[in-house]
Amino acid sequence: MLPHNSNRTISLTNVDKEILEILRGGRATQSYIVDETGRSRQYVHNRLGILTAAGYLENIHTKTALYELVGDPLADEENGG
């Protein structure tokens, strides 16, 4: 398990927010996220990498590209933070 890096903040794109909303419902594969967002596989892959590096997601199964939410920046926005 990678350490959560809460010190790094990024500007969330609309697609980032879509990805985070999907993962709020539970774990999801990259392929599922691609299907749900309608974005290209490469674009989603890049955004997942950025969100993971920021400490918001964890790739819990590399072979299937299964992701899990580990830090929710949308909750911070909802709480005024």
N, C-alpha and C. Protein backbone atom coordinates (compact mmCIF):
# COMPACT_ATOMS: atom_id res chain seq x y z
N MET A 1 0.84 -1.18 0.00
CA MET A 1 0.00 0.00 0.00
C MET A 1 0.88 1.24 0.00
N LEU A 2 0.56 2.19 -0.87
CA LEU A 2 1.32 3.42 -0.95
C LEU A 2 0.85 4.37 0.14
N PRO A 3 1.76 5.18 0.65
CA PRO A 3 1.36 6.14 1.68
C PRO A 3 0.46 7.23 1.09
N HIS A 4 -0.49 7.67 1.87
CA HIS A 4 -1.37 8.76 1.44
C HIS A 4 -0.59 10.06 1.53
N ASN A 5 -0.58 10.80 0.45
CA ASN A 5 0.17 12.06 0.39
C ASN A 5 -0.82 13.21 0.38
N SER A 6 -1.24 13.66 1.54
CA SER A 6 -2.23 14.71 1.63
C SER A 6 -1.62 16.09 1.44
N ASN A 7 -0.30 16.19 1.32
CA ASN A 7 0.36 17.47 1.16
C ASN A 7 0.30 17.98 -0.28
N ARG A 8 0.06 17.11 -1.21
CA ARG A 8 0.04 17.50 -2.61
C ARG A 8 -1.40 17.77 -3.05
N THR A 9 -1.64 18.97 -3.51
CA THR A 9 -2.96 19.31 -4.01
C THR A 9 -2.87 19.57 -5.50
N ILE A 10 -3.93 19.26 -6.18
CA ILE A 10 -3.99 19.48 -7.62
C ILE A 10 -5.30 20.19 -7.93
N SER A 11 -5.34 20.85 -9.08
CA SER A 11 -6.60 21.42 -9.56
C SER A 11 -7.37 20.30 -10.22
N LEU A 12 -8.54 20.03 -9.70
CA LEU A 12 -9.35 18.95 -10.25
C LEU A 12 -10.07 19.40 -11.51
N THR A 13 -9.96 18.57 -12.55
CA THR A 13 -10.71 18.82 -13.78
C THR A 13 -12.11 18.25 -13.61
N ASN A 14 -12.99 18.57 -14.55
CA ASN A 14 -14.34 18.00 -14.52
C ASN A 14 -14.28 16.47 -14.62
N VAL A 15 -13.35 15.97 -15.42
CA VAL A 15 -13.21 14.51 -15.55
C VAL A 15 -12.70 13.91 -14.24
N ASP A 16 -11.77 14.59 -13.58
CA ASP A 16 -11.31 14.11 -12.27
C ASP A 16 -12.50 13.97 -11.33
N LYS A 17 -13.36 14.97 -11.34
CA LYS A 17 -14.54 14.93 -10.46
C LYS A 17 -15.47 13.79 -10.84
N GLU A 18 -15.62 13.52 -12.14
CA GLU A 18 -16.43 12.37 -12.58
C GLU A 18 -15.82 11.07 -12.06
N ILE A 19 -14.50 10.94 -12.20
CA ILE A 19 -13.80 9.74 -11.73
C ILE A 19 -13.99 9.56 -10.23
N LEU A 20 -13.81 10.63 -9.49
CA LEU A 20 -13.96 10.56 -8.03
C LEU A 20 -15.39 10.19 -7.65
N GLU A 21 -16.37 10.73 -8.36
CA GLU A 21 -17.77 10.38 -8.07
C GLU A 21 -18.02 8.89 -8.32
N ILE A 22 -17.46 8.37 -9.40
CA ILE A 22 -17.61 6.93 -9.70
C ILE A 22 -17.01 6.12 -8.56
N LEU A 23 -15.82 6.51 -8.10
CA LEU A 23 -15.13 5.74 -7.07
C LEU A 23 -15.73 5.95 -5.68
N ARG A 24 -16.53 6.98 -5.51
CA ARG A 24 -17.25 7.14 -4.25
C ARG A 24 -18.26 6.00 -4.07
N GLY A 25 -18.70 5.43 -5.19
CA GLY A 25 -19.63 4.31 -5.15
C GLY A 25 -18.97 2.97 -4.88
N GLY A 26 -17.64 2.95 -4.85
CA GLY A 26 -16.90 1.71 -4.62
C GLY A 26 -15.78 1.56 -5.63
N ARG A 27 -15.06 0.48 -5.51
CA ARG A 27 -13.93 0.21 -6.40
C ARG A 27 -14.40 0.11 -7.85
N ALA A 28 -13.51 0.48 -8.77
CA ALA A 28 -13.83 0.39 -10.20
C ALA A 28 -12.56 0.19 -10.99
N THR A 29 -12.69 -0.51 -12.11
CA THR A 29 -11.56 -0.71 -13.01
C THR A 29 -11.43 0.48 -13.95
N GLN A 30 -10.26 0.62 -14.51
CA GLN A 30 -10.02 1.66 -15.49
C GLN A 30 -11.00 1.52 -16.65
N SER A 31 -11.24 0.30 -17.11
CA SER A 31 -12.16 0.08 -18.23
C SER A 31 -13.57 0.56 -17.90
N TYR A 32 -14.02 0.29 -16.69
CA TYR A 32 -15.34 0.74 -16.27
C TYR A 32 -15.40 2.27 -16.26
N ILE A 33 -14.35 2.90 -15.75
CA ILE A 33 -14.30 4.36 -15.69
C ILE A 33 -14.30 4.95 -17.10
N VAL A 34 -13.57 4.32 -18.02
CA VAL A 34 -13.57 4.75 -19.42
C VAL A 34 -14.99 4.69 -19.98
N ASP A 35 -15.68 3.59 -19.74
CA ASP A 35 -17.05 3.42 -20.24
C ASP A 35 -18.00 4.46 -19.64
N GLU A 36 -17.86 4.72 -18.35
CA GLU A 36 -18.76 5.65 -17.66
C GLU A 36 -18.52 7.10 -18.05
N THR A 37 -17.28 7.47 -18.29
CA THR A 37 -16.97 8.87 -18.62
C THR A 37 -17.03 9.16 -20.11
N GLY A 38 -16.87 8.13 -20.92
CA GLY A 38 -16.85 8.33 -22.37
C GLY A 38 -15.56 8.95 -22.87
N ARG A 39 -14.55 8.99 -22.03
CA ARG A 39 -13.24 9.55 -22.40
C ARG A 39 -12.35 8.44 -22.95
N SER A 40 -11.25 8.83 -23.59
CA SER A 40 -10.34 7.83 -24.14
C SER A 40 -9.63 7.10 -23.00
N ARG A 41 -9.23 5.88 -23.31
CA ARG A 41 -8.51 5.06 -22.33
C ARG A 41 -7.24 5.77 -21.87
N GLN A 42 -6.50 6.38 -22.80
CA GLN A 42 -5.24 7.06 -22.45
C GLN A 42 -5.49 8.26 -21.54
N TYR A 43 -6.53 9.02 -21.83
CA TYR A 43 -6.84 10.19 -21.01
C TYR A 43 -7.21 9.77 -19.59
N VAL A 44 -8.06 8.76 -19.48
CA VAL A 44 -8.46 8.27 -18.15
C VAL A 44 -7.24 7.71 -17.43
N HIS A 45 -6.40 6.96 -18.13
CA HIS A 45 -5.19 6.40 -17.54
C HIS A 45 -4.31 7.52 -16.96
N ASN A 46 -4.14 8.59 -17.73
CA ASN A 46 -3.33 9.72 -17.26
C ASN A 46 -3.94 10.36 -16.02
N ARG A 47 -5.24 10.59 -16.03
CA ARG A 47 -5.90 11.22 -14.88
C ARG A 47 -5.85 10.32 -13.66
N LEU A 48 -6.01 9.01 -13.85
CA LEU A 48 -5.90 8.08 -12.71
C LEU A 48 -4.51 8.15 -12.11
N GLY A 49 -3.49 8.26 -12.95
CA GLY A 49 -2.11 8.38 -12.46
C GLY A 49 -1.91 9.64 -11.65
N ILE A 50 -2.47 10.75 -12.12
CA ILE A 50 -2.35 12.02 -11.40
C ILE A 50 -3.09 11.96 -10.07
N LEU A 51 -4.30 11.42 -10.09
CA LEU A 51 -5.08 11.31 -8.85
C LEU A 51 -4.43 10.35 -7.85
N THR A 52 -3.78 9.31 -8.36
CA THR A 52 -3.07 8.38 -7.50
C THR A 52 -1.84 9.05 -6.88
N ALA A 53 -1.08 9.77 -7.70
CA ALA A 53 0.11 10.47 -7.20
C ALA A 53 -0.25 11.53 -6.17
N ALA A 54 -1.44 12.11 -6.30
CA ALA A 54 -1.89 13.12 -5.34
C ALA A 54 -2.39 12.50 -4.04
N GLY A 55 -2.50 11.17 -4.02
CA GLY A 55 -2.92 10.48 -2.80
C GLY A 55 -4.42 10.29 -2.66
N TYR A 56 -5.17 10.54 -3.73
CA TYR A 56 -6.62 10.39 -3.67
C TYR A 56 -7.09 8.97 -3.99
N LEU A 57 -6.31 8.26 -4.81
CA LEU A 57 -6.67 6.91 -5.24
C LEU A 57 -5.53 5.94 -4.97
N GLU A 58 -5.89 4.67 -4.97
CA GLU A 58 -4.88 3.61 -4.93
C GLU A 58 -5.24 2.56 -5.96
N ASN A 59 -4.25 2.15 -6.75
CA ASN A 59 -4.43 1.05 -7.68
C ASN A 59 -4.22 -0.22 -6.87
N ILE A 60 -5.30 -0.86 -6.50
CA ILE A 60 -5.20 -2.00 -5.59
C ILE A 60 -4.98 -3.34 -6.30
N HIS A 61 -5.15 -3.36 -7.62
CA HIS A 61 -4.86 -4.57 -8.38
C HIS A 61 -4.36 -4.16 -9.75
N THR A 62 -3.04 -4.13 -9.89
CA THR A 62 -2.39 -3.61 -11.09
C THR A 62 -2.83 -4.35 -12.35
N LYS A 63 -2.94 -5.66 -12.27
CA LYS A 63 -3.26 -6.47 -13.45
C LYS A 63 -4.60 -6.09 -14.07
N THR A 64 -5.57 -5.76 -13.24
CA THR A 64 -6.89 -5.39 -13.75
C THR A 64 -7.14 -3.89 -13.69
N ALA A 65 -6.17 -3.12 -13.21
CA ALA A 65 -6.30 -1.67 -13.05
C ALA A 65 -7.54 -1.34 -12.21
N LEU A 66 -7.62 -1.97 -11.06
CA LEU A 66 -8.72 -1.75 -10.12
C LEU A 66 -8.33 -0.65 -9.15
N TYR A 67 -9.15 0.38 -9.09
CA TYR A 67 -8.85 1.55 -8.26
C TYR A 67 -9.84 1.68 -7.12
N GLU A 68 -9.34 2.33 -6.06
CA GLU A 68 -10.13 2.57 -4.87
C GLU A 68 -9.85 3.99 -4.38
N LEU A 69 -10.88 4.64 -3.90
CA LEU A 69 -10.75 5.98 -3.34
C LEU A 69 -10.15 5.87 -1.94
N VAL A 70 -9.06 6.62 -1.69
CA VAL A 70 -8.43 6.60 -0.36
C VAL A 70 -8.40 7.97 0.28
N GLY A 71 -8.64 9.00 -0.48
CA GLY A 71 -8.71 10.37 0.03
C GLY A 71 -9.68 11.12 -0.85
N ASP A 72 -10.70 11.72 -0.29
CA ASP A 72 -11.77 12.30 -1.10
C ASP A 72 -11.73 13.82 -1.09
N PRO A 73 -11.12 14.42 -2.11
CA PRO A 73 -11.08 15.89 -2.16
C PRO A 73 -12.46 16.51 -2.38
N LEU A 74 -13.40 15.73 -2.92
CA LEU A 74 -14.74 16.26 -3.12
C LEU A 74 -15.44 16.48 -1.77
N ALA A 75 -15.14 15.64 -0.80
CA ALA A 75 -15.70 15.80 0.54
C ALA A 75 -15.20 17.10 1.15
N ASP A 76 -13.92 17.43 0.90
CA ASP A 76 -13.37 18.69 1.40
C ASP A 76 -14.10 19.87 0.77
N GLU A 77 -14.37 19.80 -0.54
CA GLU A 77 -15.10 20.87 -1.23
C GLU A 77 -16.51 21.01 -0.66
N GLU A 78 -17.16 19.87 -0.43
CA GLU A 78 -18.53 19.89 0.10
C GLU A 78 -18.59 20.47 1.49
N ASN A 79 -17.50 20.30 2.25
CA ASN A 79 -17.45 20.80 3.62
C ASN A 79 -16.86 22.20 3.70
N GLY A 80 -16.68 22.83 2.53
CA GLY A 80 -16.17 24.19 2.51
C GLY A 80 -14.68 24.32 2.66
N GLY A 81 -13.94 23.18 2.49
CA GLY A 81 -12.50 23.22 2.71
C GLY A 81 -11.68 23.21 1.54
